[in-house]
Amino acid sequence: MRIAPKYWYLVFLIPCVALLLPPFFNNDNPALAGMPFFYWYQLVWLLVTAALMVGIVLLRRRGRGAV
């Protein structure tokens, strides 16, 4: 069963929701390499979102037969 290509874009709602709820990540601990949680949480989501974008672009290209 294939998911319609336009529905893949709904995956981008996950990072948006995760970053629009600051009360859940607005604290200092746990720190990672001296960086407060508030900052590295957002940095991780930046990298996750970039990986999601690459994955969706590759899936869309494969679905169209392009390389």
PDB file of N, CA and C in Angstrom:
ATOM      1  N   MET A   1       0.841  -1.182   0.000  1.00  0.00           N
ATOM      2  CA  MET A   1       0.000   0.000   0.000  1.00  0.00           C
ATOM      3  C   MET A   1       0.884   1.242   0.000  1.00  0.00           C
ATOM      4  N   ARG A   2       0.668   2.103  -0.942  1.00  0.00           N
ATOM      5  CA  ARG A   2       1.472   3.329  -1.058  1.00  0.00           C
ATOM      6  C   ARG A   2       0.710   4.499  -0.468  1.00  0.00           C
ATOM      7  N   ILE A   3       1.449   5.363   0.179  1.00  0.00           N
ATOM      8  CA  ILE A   3       0.869   6.590   0.720  1.00  0.00           C
ATOM      9  C   ILE A   3       0.975   7.655  -0.363  1.00  0.00           C
ATOM     10  N   ALA A   4      -0.092   8.398  -0.545  1.00  0.00           N
ATOM     11  CA  ALA A   4      -0.091   9.459  -1.552  1.00  0.00           C
ATOM     12  C   ALA A   4       1.038  10.441  -1.254  1.00  0.00           C
ATOM     13  N   PRO A   5       1.777  10.859  -2.283  1.00  0.00           N
ATOM     14  CA  PRO A   5       2.936  11.736  -2.087  1.00  0.00           C
ATOM     15  C   PRO A   5       2.647  13.017  -1.321  1.00  0.00           C
ATOM     16  N   LYS A   6       1.477  13.581  -1.489  1.00  0.00           N
ATOM     17  CA  LYS A   6       1.203  14.844  -0.811  1.00  0.00           C
ATOM     18  C   LYS A   6       1.128  14.669   0.702  1.00  0.00           C
ATOM     19  N   TYR A   7       0.851  13.470   1.176  1.00  0.00           N
ATOM     20  CA  TYR A   7       0.755  13.237   2.615  1.00  0.00           C
ATOM     21  C   TYR A   7       2.122  13.134   3.284  1.00  0.00           C
ATOM     22  N   TRP A   8       3.182  12.934   2.516  1.00  0.00           N
ATOM     23  CA  TRP A   8       4.520  12.912   3.102  1.00  0.00           C
ATOM     24  C   TRP A   8       4.856  14.244   3.743  1.00  0.00           C
ATOM     25  N   TYR A   9       4.294  15.314   3.242  1.00  0.00           N
ATOM     26  CA  TYR A   9       4.602  16.634   3.773  1.00  0.00           C
ATOM     27  C   TYR A   9       4.042  16.849   5.176  1.00  0.00           C
ATOM     28  N   LEU A  10       3.101  16.038   5.586  1.00  0.00           N
ATOM     29  CA  LEU A  10       2.571  16.137   6.946  1.00  0.00           C
ATOM     30  C   LEU A  10       3.631  15.769   7.985  1.00  0.00           C
ATOM     31  N   VAL A  11       4.669  15.070   7.567  1.00  0.00           N
ATOM     32  CA  VAL A  11       5.763  14.728   8.476  1.00  0.00           C
ATOM     33  C   VAL A  11       6.425  15.995   9.012  1.00  0.00           C
ATOM     34  N   PHE A  12       6.377  17.076   8.246  1.00  0.00           N
ATOM     35  CA  PHE A  12       7.000  18.324   8.684  1.00  0.00           C
ATOM     36  C   PHE A  12       6.258  18.979   9.846  1.00  0.00           C
ATOM     37  N   LEU A  13       5.077  18.513  10.150  1.00  0.00           N
ATOM     38  CA  LEU A  13       4.360  19.043  11.313  1.00  0.00           C
ATOM     39  C   LEU A  13       4.998  18.590  12.622  1.00  0.00           C
ATOM     40  N   ILE A  14       5.674  17.457  12.612  1.00  0.00           N
ATOM     41  CA  ILE A  14       6.290  16.938  13.830  1.00  0.00           C
ATOM     42  C   ILE A  14       7.323  17.921  14.395  1.00  0.00           C
ATOM     43  N   PRO A  15       8.314  18.372  13.609  1.00  0.00           N
ATOM     44  CA  PRO A  15       9.259  19.338  14.167  1.00  0.00           C
ATOM     45  C   PRO A  15       8.607  20.669  14.543  1.00  0.00           C
ATOM     46  N   CYS A  16       7.616  21.083  13.770  1.00  0.00           N
ATOM     47  CA  CYS A  16       6.943  22.350  14.087  1.00  0.00           C
ATOM     48  C   CYS A  16       6.280  22.279  15.456  1.00  0.00           C
ATOM     49  N   VAL A  17       5.563  21.211  15.703  1.00  0.00           N
ATOM     50  CA  VAL A  17       4.897  21.055  16.991  1.00  0.00           C
ATOM     51  C   VAL A  17       5.923  20.910  18.109  1.00  0.00           C
ATOM     52  N   ALA A  18       6.982  20.159  17.866  1.00  0.00           N
ATOM     53  CA  ALA A  18       8.005  19.938  18.894  1.00  0.00           C
ATOM     54  C   ALA A  18       8.696  21.236  19.292  1.00  0.00           C
ATOM     55  N   LEU A  19       8.844  22.155  18.358  1.00  0.00           N
ATOM     56  CA  LEU A  19       9.531  23.413  18.661  1.00  0.00           C
ATOM     57  C   LEU A  19       8.591  24.538  19.071  1.00  0.00           C
ATOM     58  N   LEU A  20       7.298  24.341  18.914  1.00  0.00           N
ATOM     59  CA  LEU A  20       6.347  25.372  19.313  1.00  0.00           C
ATOM     60  C   LEU A  20       5.841  25.191  20.743  1.00  0.00           C
ATOM     61  N   LEU A  21       6.421  24.263  21.464  1.00  0.00           N
ATOM     62  CA  LEU A  21       6.020  24.015  22.847  1.00  0.00           C
ATOM     63  C   LEU A  21       7.190  24.262  23.794  1.00  0.00           C
ATOM     64  N   PRO A  22       7.647  25.501  23.924  1.00  0.00           N
ATOM     65  CA  PRO A  22       8.825  25.795  24.750  1.00  0.00           C
ATOM     66  C   PRO A  22       8.713  25.392  26.211  1.00  0.00           C
ATOM     67  N   PRO A  23       7.529  25.347  26.824  1.00  0.00           N
ATOM     68  CA  PRO A  23       7.514  24.927  28.228  1.00  0.00           C
ATOM     69  C   PRO A  23       8.093  23.524  28.448  1.00  0.00           C
ATOM     70  N   PHE A  24       8.101  22.708  27.426  1.00  0.00           N
ATOM     71  CA  PHE A  24       8.634  21.348  27.571  1.00  0.00           C
ATOM     72  C   PHE A  24      10.156  21.288  27.476  1.00  0.00           C
ATOM     73  N   PHE A  25      10.778  22.284  26.881  1.00  0.00           N
ATOM     74  CA  PHE A  25      12.238  22.228  26.741  1.00  0.00           C
ATOM     75  C   PHE A  25      12.934  23.490  27.243  1.00  0.00           C
ATOM     76  N   ASN A  26      12.234  24.329  27.968  1.00  0.00           N
ATOM     77  CA  ASN A  26      12.812  25.570  28.470  1.00  0.00           C
ATOM     78  C   ASN A  26      13.467  25.355  29.845  1.00  0.00           C
ATOM     79  N   ASN A  27      14.608  24.668  29.834  1.00  0.00           N
ATOM     80  CA  ASN A  27      15.385  24.493  31.061  1.00  0.00           C
ATOM     81  C   ASN A  27      16.851  24.303  30.711  1.00  0.00           C
ATOM     82  N   ASP A  28      17.682  24.318  31.739  1.00  0.00           N
ATOM     83  CA  ASP A  28      19.125  24.219  31.523  1.00  0.00           C
ATOM     84  C   ASP A  28      19.633  22.779  31.516  1.00  0.00           C
ATOM     85  N   ASN A  29      19.000  21.930  32.262  1.00  0.00           N
ATOM     86  CA  ASN A  29      19.492  20.553  32.405  1.00  0.00           C
ATOM     87  C   ASN A  29      18.639  19.611  31.595  1.00  0.00           C
ATOM     88  N   PRO A  30      19.185  18.603  31.028  1.00  0.00           N
ATOM     89  CA  PRO A  30      20.585  18.192  31.043  1.00  0.00           C
ATOM     90  C   PRO A  30      21.407  18.993  30.032  1.00  0.00           C
ATOM     91  N   ALA A  31      22.610  19.276  30.396  1.00  0.00           N
ATOM     92  CA  ALA A  31      23.525  19.989  29.502  1.00  0.00           C
ATOM     93  C   ALA A  31      24.309  18.976  28.672  1.00  0.00           C
ATOM     94  N   LEU A  32      24.618  19.345  27.470  1.00  0.00           N
ATOM     95  CA  LEU A  32      25.392  18.483  26.571  1.00  0.00           C
ATOM     96  C   LEU A  32      26.608  19.282  26.123  1.00  0.00           C
ATOM     97  N   ALA A  33      27.776  18.861  26.557  1.00  0.00           N
ATOM     98  CA  ALA A  33      29.039  19.545  26.250  1.00  0.00           C
ATOM     99  C   ALA A  33      28.991  21.013  26.690  1.00  0.00           C
ATOM    100  N   GLY A  34      28.355  21.267  27.813  1.00  0.00           N
ATOM    101  CA  GLY A  34      28.270  22.613  28.345  1.00  0.00           C
ATOM    102  C   GLY A  34      27.160  23.459  27.738  1.00  0.00           C
ATOM    103  N   MET A  35      26.437  22.908  26.774  1.00  0.00           N
ATOM    104  CA  MET A  35      25.357  23.634  26.118  1.00  0.00           C
ATOM    105  C   MET A  35      24.037  23.286  26.822  1.00  0.00           C
ATOM    106  N   PRO A  36      23.279  24.287  27.261  1.00  0.00           N
ATOM    107  CA  PRO A  36      22.009  24.012  27.935  1.00  0.00           C
ATOM    108  C   PRO A  36      21.035  23.250  27.045  1.00  0.00           C
ATOM    109  N   PHE A  37      20.150  22.510  27.680  1.00  0.00           N
ATOM    110  CA  PHE A  37      19.156  21.696  26.979  1.00  0.00           C
ATOM    111  C   PHE A  37      18.349  22.523  25.984  1.00  0.00           C
ATOM    112  N   PHE A  38      17.990  23.738  26.358  1.00  0.00           N
ATOM    113  CA  PHE A  38      17.182  24.603  25.494  1.00  0.00           C
ATOM    114  C   PHE A  38      17.809  24.746  24.110  1.00  0.00           C
ATOM    115  N   TYR A  39      19.130  24.897  24.060  1.00  0.00           N
ATOM    116  CA  TYR A  39      19.807  25.104  22.780  1.00  0.00           C
ATOM    117  C   TYR A  39      20.056  23.808  22.028  1.00  0.00           C
ATOM    118  N   TRP A  40      20.508  22.759  22.727  1.00  0.00           N
ATOM    119  CA  TRP A  40      20.818  21.554  21.964  1.00  0.00           C
ATOM    120  C   TRP A  40      19.569  20.819  21.520  1.00  0.00           C
ATOM    121  N   TYR A  41      18.459  20.989  22.221  1.00  0.00           N
ATOM    122  CA  TYR A  41      17.190  20.412  21.777  1.00  0.00           C
ATOM    123  C   TYR A  41      16.797  21.001  20.416  1.00  0.00           C
ATOM    124  N   GLN A  42      16.921  22.315  20.304  1.00  0.00           N
ATOM    125  CA  GLN A  42      16.593  22.965  19.035  1.00  0.00           C
ATOM    126  C   GLN A  42      17.577  22.582  17.936  1.00  0.00           C
ATOM    127  N   LEU A  43      18.838  22.435  18.283  1.00  0.00           N
ATOM    128  CA  LEU A  43      19.850  22.027  17.307  1.00  0.00           C
ATOM    129  C   LEU A  43      19.573  20.618  16.789  1.00  0.00           C
ATOM    130  N   VAL A  44      19.194  19.731  17.685  1.00  0.00           N
ATOM    131  CA  VAL A  44      18.869  18.363  17.255  1.00  0.00           C
ATOM    132  C   VAL A  44      17.677  18.376  16.309  1.00  0.00           C
ATOM    133  N   TRP A  45      16.654  19.170  16.621  1.00  0.00           N
ATOM    134  CA  TRP A  45      15.507  19.234  15.732  1.00  0.00           C
ATOM    135  C   TRP A  45      15.858  19.850  14.378  1.00  0.00           C
ATOM    136  N   LEU A  46      16.803  20.745  14.348  1.00  0.00           N
ATOM    137  CA  LEU A  46      17.276  21.297  13.083  1.00  0.00           C
ATOM    138  C   LEU A  46      17.860  20.189  12.211  1.00  0.00           C
ATOM    139  N   LEU A  47      18.686  19.343  12.810  1.00  0.00           N
ATOM    140  CA  LEU A  47      19.299  18.237  12.072  1.00  0.00           C
ATOM    141  C   LEU A  47      18.257  17.190  11.668  1.00  0.00           C
ATOM    142  N   VAL A  48      17.320  16.898  12.564  1.00  0.00           N
ATOM    143  CA  VAL A  48      16.255  15.934  12.238  1.00  0.00           C
ATOM    144  C   VAL A  48      15.395  16.444  11.091  1.00  0.00           C
ATOM    145  N   THR A  49      15.064  17.723  11.117  1.00  0.00           N
ATOM    146  CA  THR A  49      14.253  18.306  10.048  1.00  0.00           C
ATOM    147  C   THR A  49      14.992  18.269   8.709  1.00  0.00           C
ATOM    148  N   ALA A  50      16.282  18.544   8.728  1.00  0.00           N
ATOM    149  CA  ALA A  50      17.069  18.464   7.493  1.00  0.00           C
ATOM    150  C   ALA A  50      17.077  17.037   6.959  1.00  0.00           C
ATOM    151  N   ALA A  51      17.230  16.054   7.848  1.00  0.00           N
ATOM    152  CA  ALA A  51      17.214  14.653   7.422  1.00  0.00           C
ATOM    153  C   ALA A  51      15.843  14.267   6.866  1.00  0.00           C
ATOM    154  N   LEU A  52      14.777  14.750   7.486  1.00  0.00           N
ATOM    155  CA  LEU A  52      13.437  14.484   6.964  1.00  0.00           C
ATOM    156  C   LEU A  52      13.250  15.078   5.576  1.00  0.00           C
ATOM    157  N   MET A  53      13.743  16.282   5.375  1.00  0.00           N
ATOM    158  CA  MET A  53      13.616  16.930   4.069  1.00  0.00           C
ATOM    159  C   MET A  53      14.351  16.145   2.990  1.00  0.00           C
ATOM    160  N   VAL A  54      15.565  15.714   3.307  1.00  0.00           N
ATOM    161  CA  VAL A  54      16.335  14.924   2.338  1.00  0.00           C
ATOM    162  C   VAL A  54      15.607  13.620   2.035  1.00  0.00           C
ATOM    163  N   GLY A  55      15.106  12.970   3.069  1.00  0.00           N
ATOM    164  CA  GLY A  55      14.392  11.709   2.870  1.00  0.00           C
ATOM    165  C   GLY A  55      13.156  11.868   2.009  1.00  0.00           C
ATOM    166  N   ILE A  56      12.392  12.901   2.245  1.00  0.00           N
ATOM    167  CA  ILE A  56      11.171  13.111   1.470  1.00  0.00           C
ATOM    168  C   ILE A  56      11.493  13.482   0.025  1.00  0.00           C
ATOM    169  N   VAL A  57      12.520  14.281  -0.182  1.00  0.00           N
ATOM    170  CA  VAL A  57      12.924  14.613  -1.553  1.00  0.00           C
ATOM    171  C   VAL A  57      13.347  13.349  -2.295  1.00  0.00           C
ATOM    172  N   LEU A  58      14.107  12.489  -1.638  1.00  0.00           N
ATOM    173  CA  LEU A  58      14.534  11.247  -2.286  1.00  0.00           C
ATOM    174  C   LEU A  58      13.353  10.327  -2.580  1.00  0.00           C
ATOM    175  N   LEU A  59      12.408  10.248  -1.645  1.00  0.00           N
ATOM    176  CA  LEU A  59      11.214   9.436  -1.890  1.00  0.00           C
ATOM    177  C   LEU A  59      10.393   9.985  -3.048  1.00  0.00           C
ATOM    178  N   ARG A  60      10.284  11.303  -3.110  1.00  0.00           N
ATOM    179  CA  ARG A  60       9.520  11.914  -4.208  1.00  0.00           C
ATOM    180  C   ARG A  60      10.205  11.670  -5.554  1.00  0.00           C
ATOM    181  N   ARG A  61      11.531  11.774  -5.582  1.00  0.00           N
ATOM    182  CA  ARG A  61      12.255  11.533  -6.833  1.00  0.00           C
ATOM    183  C   ARG A  61      12.124  10.089  -7.270  1.00  0.00           C
ATOM    184  N   ARG A  62      12.219   9.175  -6.305  1.00  0.00           N
ATOM    185  CA  ARG A  62      12.109   7.748  -6.641  1.00  0.00           C
ATOM    186  C   ARG A  62      10.722   7.435  -7.169  1.00  0.00           C
ATOM    187  N   GLY A  63       9.715   8.099  -6.621  1.00  0.00           N
ATOM    188  CA  GLY A  63       8.336   7.866  -7.073  1.00  0.00           C
ATOM    189  C   GLY A  63       8.102   8.349  -8.486  1.00  0.00           C
ATOM    190  N   ARG A  64       8.834   9.368  -8.913  1.00  0.00           N
ATOM    191  CA  ARG A  64       8.679   9.909 -10.270  1.00  0.00           C
ATOM    192  C   ARG A  64       9.594   9.225 -11.270  1.00  0.00           C
ATOM    193  N   GLY A  65      10.518   8.407 -10.785  1.00  0.00           N
ATOM    194  CA  GLY A  65      11.431   7.726 -11.682  1.00  0.00           C
ATOM    195  C   GLY A  65      12.671   8.512 -11.982  1.00  0.00           C
ATOM    196  N   ALA A  66      12.836   9.684 -11.380  1.00  0.00           N
ATOM    197  CA  ALA A  66      14.043  10.496 -11.593  1.00  0.00           C
ATOM    198  C   ALA A  66      15.147   9.998 -10.670  1.00  0.00           C
ATOM    199  N   VAL A  67      16.365  10.349 -11.010  1.00  0.00           N
ATOM    200  CA  VAL A  67      17.500   9.931 -10.171  1.00  0.00           C
ATOM    201  C   VAL A  67      17.974  11.093  -9.360  1.00  0.00           C
TER     202      VAL A  67
END
